[in-house]
């Protein structure tokens, strides 16, 4: 699955490529995992760093756990303070991943 997300206020653009593990017939979709995830992006350092750290973090995780992530988890991964003007930059990858999960009907 491929999803695109754009930050219209600054022009950051991101494409996230996700492969999900196959759920067996008795598993709920939320118990499947992200088998592999990669991204391509053009944007500021915060946007790219956040996408890099987040894609590594969610690899192999259950979808149910990924759905629980929020902006505070991103800030913890980054390890730096993000000002109000850069919040959207920092959360762009998370928004794209959650968009993919919504499209997958999880």
PDB file of N, CA and C in Angstrom:
ATOM      1  N   UNK A   1       0.842  -1.166   0.000  1.00  0.00           N
ATOM      2  CA  UNK A   1       0.000   0.000   0.000  1.00  0.00           C
ATOM      3  C   UNK A   1       0.892   1.235   0.000  1.00  0.00           C
ATOM      4  N   UNK A   2       0.465   2.227  -0.737  1.00  0.00           N
ATOM      5  CA  UNK A   2       1.189   3.491  -0.794  1.00  0.00           C
ATOM      6  C   UNK A   2       0.228   4.608  -0.416  1.00  0.00           C
ATOM      7  N   UNK A   3       0.664   5.471   0.489  1.00  0.00           N
ATOM      8  CA  UNK A   3      -0.141   6.637   0.861  1.00  0.00           C
ATOM      9  C   UNK A   3       0.712   7.889   0.729  1.00  0.00           C
ATOM     10  N   UNK A   4       0.051   8.975   0.406  1.00  0.00           N
ATOM     11  CA  UNK A   4       0.720  10.269   0.280  1.00  0.00           C
ATOM     12  C   UNK A   4       0.113  11.230   1.281  1.00  0.00           C
ATOM     13  N   UNK A   5       0.963  12.088   1.796  1.00  0.00           N
ATOM     14  CA  UNK A   5       0.492  13.120   2.717  1.00  0.00           C
ATOM     15  C   UNK A   5       1.308  14.381   2.439  1.00  0.00           C
ATOM     16  N   UNK A   6       0.649  15.528   2.533  1.00  0.00           N
ATOM     17  CA  UNK A   6       1.301  16.808   2.257  1.00  0.00           C
ATOM     18  C   UNK A   6       0.978  17.798   3.362  1.00  0.00           C
ATOM     19  N   UNK A   7       1.973  18.582   3.703  1.00  0.00           N
ATOM     20  CA  UNK A   7       1.778  19.689   4.630  1.00  0.00           C
ATOM     21  C   UNK A   7       1.676  20.950   3.775  1.00  0.00           C
ATOM     22  N   UNK A   8       0.455  21.387   3.541  1.00  0.00           N
ATOM     23  CA  UNK A   8       0.222  22.522   2.647  1.00  0.00           C
ATOM     24  C   UNK A   8       0.853  23.818   3.151  1.00  0.00           C
ATOM     25  N   UNK A   9       1.020  23.944   4.468  1.00  0.00           N
ATOM     26  CA  UNK A   9       1.536  25.201   5.002  1.00  0.00           C
ATOM     27  C   UNK A   9       3.022  25.412   4.710  1.00  0.00           C
ATOM     28  N   UNK A  10       3.778  24.320   4.529  1.00  0.00           N
ATOM     29  CA  UNK A  10       5.212  24.504   4.273  1.00  0.00           C
ATOM     30  C   UNK A  10       5.707  23.742   3.042  1.00  0.00           C
ATOM     31  N   UNK A  11       4.885  22.878   2.477  1.00  0.00           N
ATOM     32  CA  UNK A  11       5.267  22.170   1.268  1.00  0.00           C
ATOM     33  C   UNK A  11       5.904  20.803   1.483  1.00  0.00           C
ATOM     34  N   UNK A  12       6.025  20.343   2.736  1.00  0.00           N
ATOM     35  CA  UNK A  12       6.553  18.998   2.976  1.00  0.00           C
ATOM     36  C   UNK A  12       5.650  17.984   2.285  1.00  0.00           C
ATOM     37  N   UNK A  13       6.278  17.013   1.613  1.00  0.00           N
ATOM     38  CA  UNK A  13       5.525  15.956   0.940  1.00  0.00           C
ATOM     39  C   UNK A  13       6.121  14.612   1.313  1.00  0.00           C
ATOM     40  N   UNK A  14       5.263  13.631   1.503  1.00  0.00           N
ATOM     41  CA  UNK A  14       5.737  12.321   1.919  1.00  0.00           C
ATOM     42  C   UNK A  14       4.919  11.221   1.269  1.00  0.00           C
ATOM     43  N   UNK A  15       5.613  10.167   0.869  1.00  0.00           N
ATOM     44  CA  UNK A  15       4.991   8.944   0.383  1.00  0.00           C
ATOM     45  C   UNK A  15       5.457   7.835   1.302  1.00  0.00           C
ATOM     46  N   UNK A  16       4.514   7.059   1.815  1.00  0.00           N
ATOM     47  CA  UNK A  16       4.857   5.953   2.703  1.00  0.00           C
ATOM     48  C   UNK A  16       4.416   4.663   2.030  1.00  0.00           C
ATOM     49  N   UNK A  17       5.328   3.709   2.000  1.00  0.00           N
ATOM     50  CA  UNK A  17       5.090   2.397   1.398  1.00  0.00           C
ATOM     51  C   UNK A  17       5.010   1.376   2.532  1.00  0.00           C
ATOM     52  N   UNK A  18       3.884   0.665   2.615  1.00  0.00           N
ATOM     53  CA  UNK A  18       3.672  -0.265   3.725  1.00  0.00           C
ATOM     54  C   UNK A  18       3.297  -1.646   3.195  1.00  0.00           C
ATOM     55  N   UNK A  19       3.948  -2.663   3.764  1.00  0.00           N
ATOM     56  CA  UNK A  19       3.555  -4.052   3.538  1.00  0.00           C
ATOM     57  C   UNK A  19       3.078  -4.588   4.877  1.00  0.00           C
ATOM     58  N   UNK A  20       1.877  -5.127   4.871  1.00  0.00           N
ATOM     59  CA  UNK A  20       1.308  -5.691   6.083  1.00  0.00           C
ATOM     60  C   UNK A  20       1.544  -7.199   6.096  1.00  0.00           C
ATOM     61  N   UNK A  21       1.677  -7.749   7.306  1.00  0.00           N
ATOM     62  CA  UNK A  21       1.747  -9.198   7.413  1.00  0.00           C
ATOM     63  C   UNK A  21       0.362  -9.740   7.111  1.00  0.00           C
ATOM     64  N   UNK A  22       0.304 -10.927   6.583  1.00  0.00           N
ATOM     65  CA  UNK A  22      -0.986 -11.538   6.282  1.00  0.00           C
ATOM     66  C   UNK A  22      -1.614 -12.046   7.562  1.00  0.00           C
ATOM     67  N   UNK A  23      -2.804 -11.611   7.816  1.00  0.00           N
ATOM     68  CA  UNK A  23      -3.529 -12.106   8.984  1.00  0.00           C
ATOM     69  C   UNK A  23      -4.132 -13.461   8.636  1.00  0.00           C
ATOM     70  N   UNK A  24      -4.066 -14.388   9.556  1.00  0.00           N
ATOM     71  CA  UNK A  24      -4.712 -15.676   9.328  1.00  0.00           C
ATOM     72  C   UNK A  24      -6.215 -15.493   9.486  1.00  0.00           C
ATOM     73  N   UNK A  25      -6.978 -16.456   9.075  1.00  0.00           N
ATOM     74  CA  UNK A  25      -8.433 -16.311   9.055  1.00  0.00           C
ATOM     75  C   UNK A  25      -9.031 -16.057  10.435  1.00  0.00           C
ATOM     76  N   UNK A  26      -8.388 -16.533  11.499  1.00  0.00           N
ATOM     77  CA  UNK A  26      -8.950 -16.333  12.825  1.00  0.00           C
ATOM     78  C   UNK A  26      -8.460 -15.045  13.494  1.00  0.00           C
ATOM     79  N   UNK A  27      -7.564 -14.306  12.851  1.00  0.00           N
ATOM     80  CA  UNK A  27      -7.056 -13.066  13.432  1.00  0.00           C
ATOM     81  C   UNK A  27      -7.913 -11.878  13.011  1.00  0.00           C
ATOM     82  N   UNK A  28      -8.022 -10.928  13.890  1.00  0.00           N
ATOM     83  CA  UNK A  28      -8.656  -9.662  13.562  1.00  0.00           C
ATOM     84  C   UNK A  28      -7.630  -8.816  12.808  1.00  0.00           C
ATOM     85  N   UNK A  29      -8.076  -7.913  11.920  1.00  0.00           N
ATOM     86  CA  UNK A  29      -7.116  -7.080  11.181  1.00  0.00           C
ATOM     87  C   UNK A  29      -6.155  -6.311  12.079  1.00  0.00           C
ATOM     88  N   UNK A  30      -6.612  -5.854  13.242  1.00  0.00           N
ATOM     89  CA  UNK A  30      -5.763  -5.062  14.132  1.00  0.00           C
ATOM     90  C   UNK A  30      -4.639  -5.884  14.745  1.00  0.00           C
ATOM     91  N   UNK A  31      -4.701  -7.223  14.635  1.00  0.00           N
ATOM     92  CA  UNK A  31      -3.619  -8.043  15.174  1.00  0.00           C
ATOM     93  C   UNK A  31      -2.536  -8.300  14.130  1.00  0.00           C
ATOM     94  N   UNK A  32      -2.791  -7.928  12.879  1.00  0.00           N
ATOM     95  CA  UNK A  32      -1.726  -8.062  11.893  1.00  0.00           C
ATOM     96  C   UNK A  32      -0.666  -7.004  12.180  1.00  0.00           C
ATOM     97  N   UNK A  33       0.451  -7.129  11.533  1.00  0.00           N
ATOM     98  CA  UNK A  33       1.586  -6.239  11.809  1.00  0.00           C
ATOM     99  C   UNK A  33       2.059  -5.565  10.535  1.00  0.00           C
ATOM    100  N   UNK A  34       2.860  -4.540  10.731  1.00  0.00           N
ATOM    101  CA  UNK A  34       3.542  -3.931   9.596  1.00  0.00           C
ATOM    102  C   UNK A  34       4.792  -4.755   9.348  1.00  0.00           C
ATOM    103  N   UNK A  35       4.802  -5.402   8.207  1.00  0.00           N
ATOM    104  CA  UNK A  35       5.932  -6.270   7.853  1.00  0.00           C
ATOM    105  C   UNK A  35       7.126  -5.429   7.404  1.00  0.00           C
ATOM    106  N   UNK A  36       6.844  -4.425   6.579  1.00  0.00           N
ATOM    107  CA  UNK A  36       7.906  -3.552   6.097  1.00  0.00           C
ATOM    108  C   UNK A  36       7.313  -2.182   5.811  1.00  0.00           C
ATOM    109  N   UNK A  37       8.108  -1.165   6.016  1.00  0.00           N
ATOM    110  CA  UNK A  37       7.645   0.209   5.784  1.00  0.00           C
ATOM    111  C   UNK A  37       8.837   1.064   5.372  1.00  0.00           C
ATOM    112  N   UNK A  38       8.612   1.890   4.361  1.00  0.00           N
ATOM    113  CA  UNK A  38       9.642   2.813   3.872  1.00  0.00           C
ATOM    114  C   UNK A  38       8.977   4.126   3.515  1.00  0.00           C
ATOM    115  N   UNK A  39       9.770   5.145   3.359  1.00  0.00           N
ATOM    116  CA  UNK A  39       9.202   6.428   2.962  1.00  0.00           C
ATOM    117  C   UNK A  39      10.133   7.142   2.008  1.00  0.00           C
ATOM    118  N   UNK A  40       9.543   8.034   1.227  1.00  0.00           N
ATOM    119  CA  UNK A  40      10.265   9.002   0.418  1.00  0.00           C
ATOM    120  C   UNK A  40       9.640  10.334   0.756  1.00  0.00           C
ATOM    121  N   UNK A  41      10.476  11.319   0.952  1.00  0.00           N
ATOM    122  CA  UNK A  41       9.912  12.604   1.306  1.00  0.00           C
ATOM    123  C   UNK A  41      10.794  13.763   0.926  1.00  0.00           C
ATOM    124  N   UNK A  42      10.143  14.888   0.796  1.00  0.00           N
ATOM    125  CA  UNK A  42      10.813  16.157   0.571  1.00  0.00           C
ATOM    126  C   UNK A  42      10.268  17.094   1.633  1.00  0.00           C
ATOM    127  N   UNK A  43      11.168  17.629   2.444  1.00  0.00           N
ATOM    128  CA  UNK A  43      10.692  18.520   3.487  1.00  0.00           C
ATOM    129  C   UNK A  43      11.803  18.950   4.412  1.00  0.00           C
ATOM    130  N   UNK A  44      11.392  19.533   5.497  1.00  0.00           N
ATOM    131  CA  UNK A  44      12.341  20.046   6.473  1.00  0.00           C
ATOM    132  C   UNK A  44      12.977  18.894   7.260  1.00  0.00           C
ATOM    133  N   UNK A  45      13.994  19.230   8.023  1.00  0.00           N
ATOM    134  CA  UNK A  45      14.715  18.225   8.806  1.00  0.00           C
ATOM    135  C   UNK A  45      13.805  17.535   9.815  1.00  0.00           C
ATOM    136  N   UNK A  46      12.893  18.259  10.407  1.00  0.00           N
ATOM    137  CA  UNK A  46      11.993  17.663  11.402  1.00  0.00           C
ATOM    138  C   UNK A  46      11.078  16.644  10.743  1.00  0.00           C
ATOM    139  N   UNK A  47      10.550  16.969   9.596  1.00  0.00           N
ATOM    140  CA  UNK A  47       9.656  16.069   8.870  1.00  0.00           C
ATOM    141  C   UNK A  47      10.372  14.781   8.476  1.00  0.00           C
ATOM    142  N   UNK A  48      11.558  14.907   7.932  1.00  0.00           N
ATOM    143  CA  UNK A  48      12.326  13.741   7.478  1.00  0.00           C
ATOM    144  C   UNK A  48      12.812  12.915   8.663  1.00  0.00           C
ATOM    145  N   UNK A  49      13.307  13.562   9.700  1.00  0.00           N
ATOM    146  CA  UNK A  49      13.771  12.839  10.890  1.00  0.00           C
ATOM    147  C   UNK A  49      12.624  12.084  11.552  1.00  0.00           C
ATOM    148  N   UNK A  50      11.487  12.725  11.653  1.00  0.00           N
ATOM    149  CA  UNK A  50      10.322  12.100  12.259  1.00  0.00           C
ATOM    150  C   UNK A  50       9.889  10.875  11.455  1.00  0.00           C
ATOM    151  N   UNK A  51       9.854  11.001  10.151  1.00  0.00           N
ATOM    152  CA  UNK A  51       9.460   9.872   9.293  1.00  0.00           C
ATOM    153  C   UNK A  51      10.450   8.722   9.417  1.00  0.00           C
ATOM    154  N   UNK A  52      11.717   9.041   9.448  1.00  0.00           N
ATOM    155  CA  UNK A  52      12.750   8.009   9.572  1.00  0.00           C
ATOM    156  C   UNK A  52      12.622   7.250  10.887  1.00  0.00           C
ATOM    157  N   UNK A  53      12.515   7.981  11.974  1.00  0.00           N
ATOM    158  CA  UNK A  53      12.410   7.345  13.294  1.00  0.00           C
ATOM    159  C   UNK A  53      11.104   6.576  13.445  1.00  0.00           C
ATOM    160  N   UNK A  54      10.011   7.149  12.953  1.00  0.00           N
ATOM    161  CA  UNK A  54       8.711   6.500  13.105  1.00  0.00           C
ATOM    162  C   UNK A  54       8.618   5.222  12.273  1.00  0.00           C
ATOM    163  N   UNK A  55       9.121   5.251  11.047  1.00  0.00           N
ATOM    164  CA  UNK A  55       9.041   4.042  10.223  1.00  0.00           C
ATOM    165  C   UNK A  55       9.859   2.903  10.829  1.00  0.00           C
ATOM    166  N   UNK A  56      10.992   3.218  11.414  1.00  0.00           N
ATOM    167  CA  UNK A  56      11.775   2.180  12.094  1.00  0.00           C
ATOM    168  C   UNK A  56      11.054   1.682  13.346  1.00  0.00           C
ATOM    169  N   UNK A  57      10.416   2.591  14.050  1.00  0.00           N
ATOM    170  CA  UNK A  57       9.727   2.248  15.300  1.00  0.00           C
ATOM    171  C   UNK A  57       8.533   1.320  15.057  1.00  0.00           C
ATOM    172  N   UNK A  58       7.747   1.574  14.002  1.00  0.00           N
ATOM    173  CA  UNK A  58       6.522   0.800  13.794  1.00  0.00           C
ATOM    174  C   UNK A  58       6.751  -0.533  13.075  1.00  0.00           C
ATOM    175  N   UNK A  59       7.916  -0.705  12.484  1.00  0.00           N
ATOM    176  CA  UNK A  59       8.201  -1.945  11.765  1.00  0.00           C
ATOM    177  C   UNK A  59       8.082  -3.132  12.720  1.00  0.00           C
ATOM    178  N   UNK A  60       7.237  -4.104  12.353  1.00  0.00           N
ATOM    179  CA  UNK A  60       7.046  -5.297  13.164  1.00  0.00           C
ATOM    180  C   UNK A  60       6.034  -5.144  14.283  1.00  0.00           C
ATOM    181  N   UNK A  61       5.492  -3.942  14.460  1.00  0.00           N
ATOM    182  CA  UNK A  61       4.520  -3.699  15.531  1.00  0.00           C
ATOM    183  C   UNK A  61       3.107  -4.077  15.071  1.00  0.00           C
ATOM    184  N   UNK A  62       2.284  -4.472  16.045  1.00  0.00           N
ATOM    185  CA  UNK A  62       0.874  -4.751  15.764  1.00  0.00           C
ATOM    186  C   UNK A  62       0.156  -3.457  15.416  1.00  0.00           C
ATOM    187  N   UNK A  63      -0.779  -3.568  14.501  1.00  0.00           N
ATOM    188  CA  UNK A  63      -1.544  -2.403  14.078  1.00  0.00           C
ATOM    189  C   UNK A  63      -2.294  -1.783  15.248  1.00  0.00           C
ATOM    190  N   UNK A  64      -2.784  -2.611  16.155  1.00  0.00           N
ATOM    191  CA  UNK A  64      -3.509  -2.079  17.313  1.00  0.00           C
ATOM    192  C   UNK A  64      -2.625  -1.144  18.140  1.00  0.00           C
ATOM    193  N   UNK A  65      -1.333  -1.446  18.242  1.00  0.00           N
ATOM    194  CA  UNK A  65      -0.409  -0.588  18.988  1.00  0.00           C
ATOM    195  C   UNK A  65      -0.107   0.699  18.221  1.00  0.00           C
ATOM    196  N   UNK A  66      -0.024   0.592  16.907  1.00  0.00           N
ATOM    197  CA  UNK A  66       0.262   1.764  16.077  1.00  0.00           C
ATOM    198  C   UNK A  66      -0.895   2.757  16.147  1.00  0.00           C
ATOM    199  N   UNK A  67      -2.116   2.235  16.199  1.00  0.00           N
ATOM    200  CA  UNK A  67      -3.292   3.103  16.279  1.00  0.00           C
ATOM    201  C   UNK A  67      -3.311   3.920  17.570  1.00  0.00           C
ATOM    202  N   UNK A  68      -2.615   3.458  18.594  1.00  0.00           N
ATOM    203  CA  UNK A  68      -2.561   4.166  19.875  1.00  0.00           C
ATOM    204  C   UNK A  68      -1.553   5.315  19.874  1.00  0.00           C
ATOM    205  N   UNK A  69      -0.664   5.363  18.896  1.00  0.00           N
ATOM    206  CA  UNK A  69       0.361   6.406  18.861  1.00  0.00           C
ATOM    207  C   UNK A  69      -0.255   7.781  18.653  1.00  0.00           C
ATOM    208  N   UNK A  70       0.354   8.783  19.274  1.00  0.00           N
ATOM    209  CA  UNK A  70      -0.094  10.154  19.074  1.00  0.00           C
ATOM    210  C   UNK A  70       1.121  11.076  18.958  1.00  0.00           C
ATOM    211  N   UNK A  71       0.865  12.364  18.896  1.00  0.00           N
ATOM    212  CA  UNK A  71       1.948  13.330  18.691  1.00  0.00           C
ATOM    213  C   UNK A  71       2.987  13.281  19.810  1.00  0.00           C
ATOM    214  N   UNK A  72       2.571  12.986  21.018  1.00  0.00           N
ATOM    215  CA  UNK A  72       3.529  12.911  22.124  1.00  0.00           C
ATOM    216  C   UNK A  72       4.534  11.779  21.925  1.00  0.00           C
ATOM    217  N   UNK A  73       4.098  10.684  21.320  1.00  0.00           N
ATOM    218  CA  UNK A  73       5.020   9.583  21.015  1.00  0.00           C
ATOM    219  C   UNK A  73       6.055  10.023  19.980  1.00  0.00           C
ATOM    220  N   UNK A  74       5.623  10.829  19.030  1.00  0.00           N
ATOM    221  CA  UNK A  74       6.551  11.356  18.014  1.00  0.00           C
ATOM    222  C   UNK A  74       7.586  12.250  18.681  1.00  0.00           C
ATOM    223  N   UNK A  75       7.150  13.113  19.575  1.00  0.00           N
ATOM    224  CA  UNK A  75       8.074  14.022  20.246  1.00  0.00           C
ATOM    225  C   UNK A  75       9.088  13.245  21.076  1.00  0.00           C
ATOM    226  N   UNK A  76       8.654  12.154  21.699  1.00  0.00           N
ATOM    227  CA  UNK A  76       9.581  11.314  22.465  1.00  0.00           C
ATOM    228  C   UNK A  76      10.611  10.672  21.543  1.00  0.00           C
ATOM    229  N   UNK A  77      10.160  10.191  20.376  1.00  0.00           N
ATOM    230  CA  UNK A  77      11.096   9.601  19.411  1.00  0.00           C
ATOM    231  C   UNK A  77      12.128  10.622  18.948  1.00  0.00           C
ATOM    232  N   UNK A  78      11.671  11.834  18.660  1.00  0.00           N
ATOM    233  CA  UNK A  78      12.576  12.880  18.178  1.00  0.00           C
ATOM    234  C   UNK A  78      13.561  13.323  19.263  1.00  0.00           C
ATOM    235  N   UNK A  79      13.091  13.367  20.490  1.00  0.00           N
ATOM    236  CA  UNK A  79      13.968  13.763  21.584  1.00  0.00           C
ATOM    237  C   UNK A  79      14.294  15.246  21.619  1.00  0.00           C
ATOM    238  N   UNK A  80      13.544  16.030  20.866  1.00  0.00           N
ATOM    239  CA  UNK A  80      13.736  17.483  20.882  1.00  0.00           C
ATOM    240  C   UNK A  80      12.375  18.155  21.012  1.00  0.00           C
ATOM    241  N   UNK A  81      12.411  19.361  21.469  1.00  0.00           N
ATOM    242  CA  UNK A  81      11.181  20.138  21.608  1.00  0.00           C
ATOM    243  C   UNK A  81      10.771  20.669  20.228  1.00  0.00           C
ATOM    244  N   UNK A  82       9.505  20.534  19.914  1.00  0.00           N
ATOM    245  CA  UNK A  82       8.988  20.996  18.621  1.00  0.00           C
ATOM    246  C   UNK A  82       8.022  22.142  18.881  1.00  0.00           C
ATOM    247  N   UNK A  83       8.280  23.256  18.247  1.00  0.00           N
ATOM    248  CA  UNK A  83       7.428  24.422  18.428  1.00  0.00           C
ATOM    249  C   UNK A  83       6.103  24.273  17.696  1.00  0.00           C
ATOM    250  N   UNK A  84       5.140  25.134  18.009  1.00  0.00           N
ATOM    251  CA  UNK A  84       3.814  25.040  17.405  1.00  0.00           C
ATOM    252  C   UNK A  84       3.832  25.111  15.878  1.00  0.00           C
ATOM    253  N   UNK A  85       4.745  25.868  15.322  1.00  0.00           N
ATOM    254  CA  UNK A  85       4.823  25.999  13.867  1.00  0.00           C
ATOM    255  C   UNK A  85       5.359  24.758  13.167  1.00  0.00           C
ATOM    256  N   UNK A  86       5.931  23.846  13.915  1.00  0.00           N
ATOM    257  CA  UNK A  86       6.520  22.627  13.338  1.00  0.00           C
ATOM    258  C   UNK A  86       5.788  21.344  13.733  1.00  0.00           C
ATOM    259  N   UNK A  87       4.679  21.474  14.453  1.00  0.00           N
ATOM    260  CA  UNK A  87       3.933  20.286  14.892  1.00  0.00           C
ATOM    261  C   UNK A  87       3.484  19.441  13.703  1.00  0.00           C
ATOM    262  N   UNK A  88       2.941  20.086  12.686  1.00  0.00           N
ATOM    263  CA  UNK A  88       2.457  19.358  11.503  1.00  0.00           C
ATOM    264  C   UNK A  88       3.620  18.672  10.795  1.00  0.00           C
ATOM    265  N   UNK A  89       4.775  19.308  10.762  1.00  0.00           N
ATOM    266  CA  UNK A  89       5.960  18.692  10.152  1.00  0.00           C
ATOM    267  C   UNK A  89       6.320  17.395  10.884  1.00  0.00           C
ATOM    268  N   UNK A  90       6.300  17.463  12.199  1.00  0.00           N
ATOM    269  CA  UNK A  90       6.696  16.325  13.021  1.00  0.00           C
ATOM    270  C   UNK A  90       5.701  15.174  12.948  1.00  0.00           C
ATOM    271  N   UNK A  91       4.440  15.473  12.712  1.00  0.00           N
ATOM    272  CA  UNK A  91       3.410  14.428  12.732  1.00  0.00           C
ATOM    273  C   UNK A  91       2.950  13.985  11.350  1.00  0.00           C
ATOM    274  N   UNK A  92       3.559  14.498  10.313  1.00  0.00           N
ATOM    275  CA  UNK A  92       3.147  14.177   8.941  1.00  0.00           C
ATOM    276  C   UNK A  92       3.217  12.675   8.655  1.00  0.00           C
ATOM    277  N   UNK A  93       4.285  12.025   9.054  1.00  0.00           N
ATOM    278  CA  UNK A  93       4.429  10.584   8.800  1.00  0.00           C
ATOM    279  C   UNK A  93       3.386   9.787   9.573  1.00  0.00           C
ATOM    280  N   UNK A  94       3.116  10.180  10.812  1.00  0.00           N
ATOM    281  CA  UNK A  94       2.104   9.481  11.607  1.00  0.00           C
ATOM    282  C   UNK A  94       0.730   9.620  10.954  1.00  0.00           C
ATOM    283  N   UNK A  95       0.429  10.793  10.461  1.00  0.00           N
ATOM    284  CA  UNK A  95      -0.842  11.004   9.773  1.00  0.00           C
ATOM    285  C   UNK A  95      -0.945  10.113   8.535  1.00  0.00           C
ATOM    286  N   UNK A  96       0.160   9.983   7.797  1.00  0.00           N
ATOM    287  CA  UNK A  96       0.154   9.133   6.604  1.00  0.00           C
ATOM    288  C   UNK A  96      -0.051   7.665   6.972  1.00  0.00           C
ATOM    289  N   UNK A  97       0.615   7.218   8.027  1.00  0.00           N
ATOM    290  CA  UNK A  97       0.480   5.821   8.448  1.00  0.00           C
ATOM    291  C   UNK A  97      -0.947   5.544   8.914  1.00  0.00           C
ATOM    292  N   UNK A  98      -1.510   6.448   9.691  1.00  0.00           N
ATOM    293  CA  UNK A  98      -2.882   6.251  10.154  1.00  0.00           C
ATOM    294  C   UNK A  98      -3.875   6.315   8.995  1.00  0.00           C
ATOM    295  N   UNK A  99      -3.568   7.113   7.988  1.00  0.00           N
ATOM    296  CA  UNK A  99      -4.397   7.171   6.783  1.00  0.00           C
ATOM    297  C   UNK A  99      -4.381   5.797   6.084  1.00  0.00           C
ATOM    298  N   UNK A 100      -3.210   5.179   6.019  1.00  0.00           N
ATOM    299  CA  UNK A 100      -3.096   3.855   5.410  1.00  0.00           C
ATOM    300  C   UNK A 100      -3.901   2.822   6.205  1.00  0.00           C
ATOM    301  N   UNK A 101      -3.839   2.902   7.524  1.00  0.00           N
ATOM    302  CA  UNK A 101      -4.590   1.968   8.346  1.00  0.00           C
ATOM    303  C   UNK A 101      -6.093   2.153   8.170  1.00  0.00           C
ATOM    304  N   UNK A 102      -6.515   3.391   8.003  1.00  0.00           N
ATOM    305  CA  UNK A 102      -7.934   3.668   7.750  1.00  0.00           C
ATOM    306  C   UNK A 102      -8.348   3.084   6.403  1.00  0.00           C
ATOM    307  N   UNK A 103      -7.515   3.256   5.394  1.00  0.00           N
ATOM    308  CA  UNK A 103      -7.797   2.700   4.078  1.00  0.00           C
ATOM    309  C   UNK A 103      -7.852   1.168   4.098  1.00  0.00           C
ATOM    310  N   UNK A 104      -7.059   0.593   5.011  1.00  0.00           N
ATOM    311  CA  UNK A 104      -7.043  -0.858   5.165  1.00  0.00           C
ATOM    312  C   UNK A 104      -8.255  -1.334   5.968  1.00  0.00           C
ATOM    313  N   UNK A 105      -9.043  -0.399   6.472  1.00  0.00           N
ATOM    314  CA  UNK A 105     -10.241  -0.698   7.279  1.00  0.00           C
ATOM    315  C   UNK A 105      -9.910  -1.387   8.578  1.00  0.00           C
ATOM    316  N   UNK A 106      -8.913  -0.859   9.271  1.00  0.00           N
ATOM    317  CA  UNK A 106      -8.551  -1.425  10.577  1.00  0.00           C
ATOM    318  C   UNK A 106      -9.298  -0.686  11.649  1.00  0.00           C
TER     319      UNK A 106
END
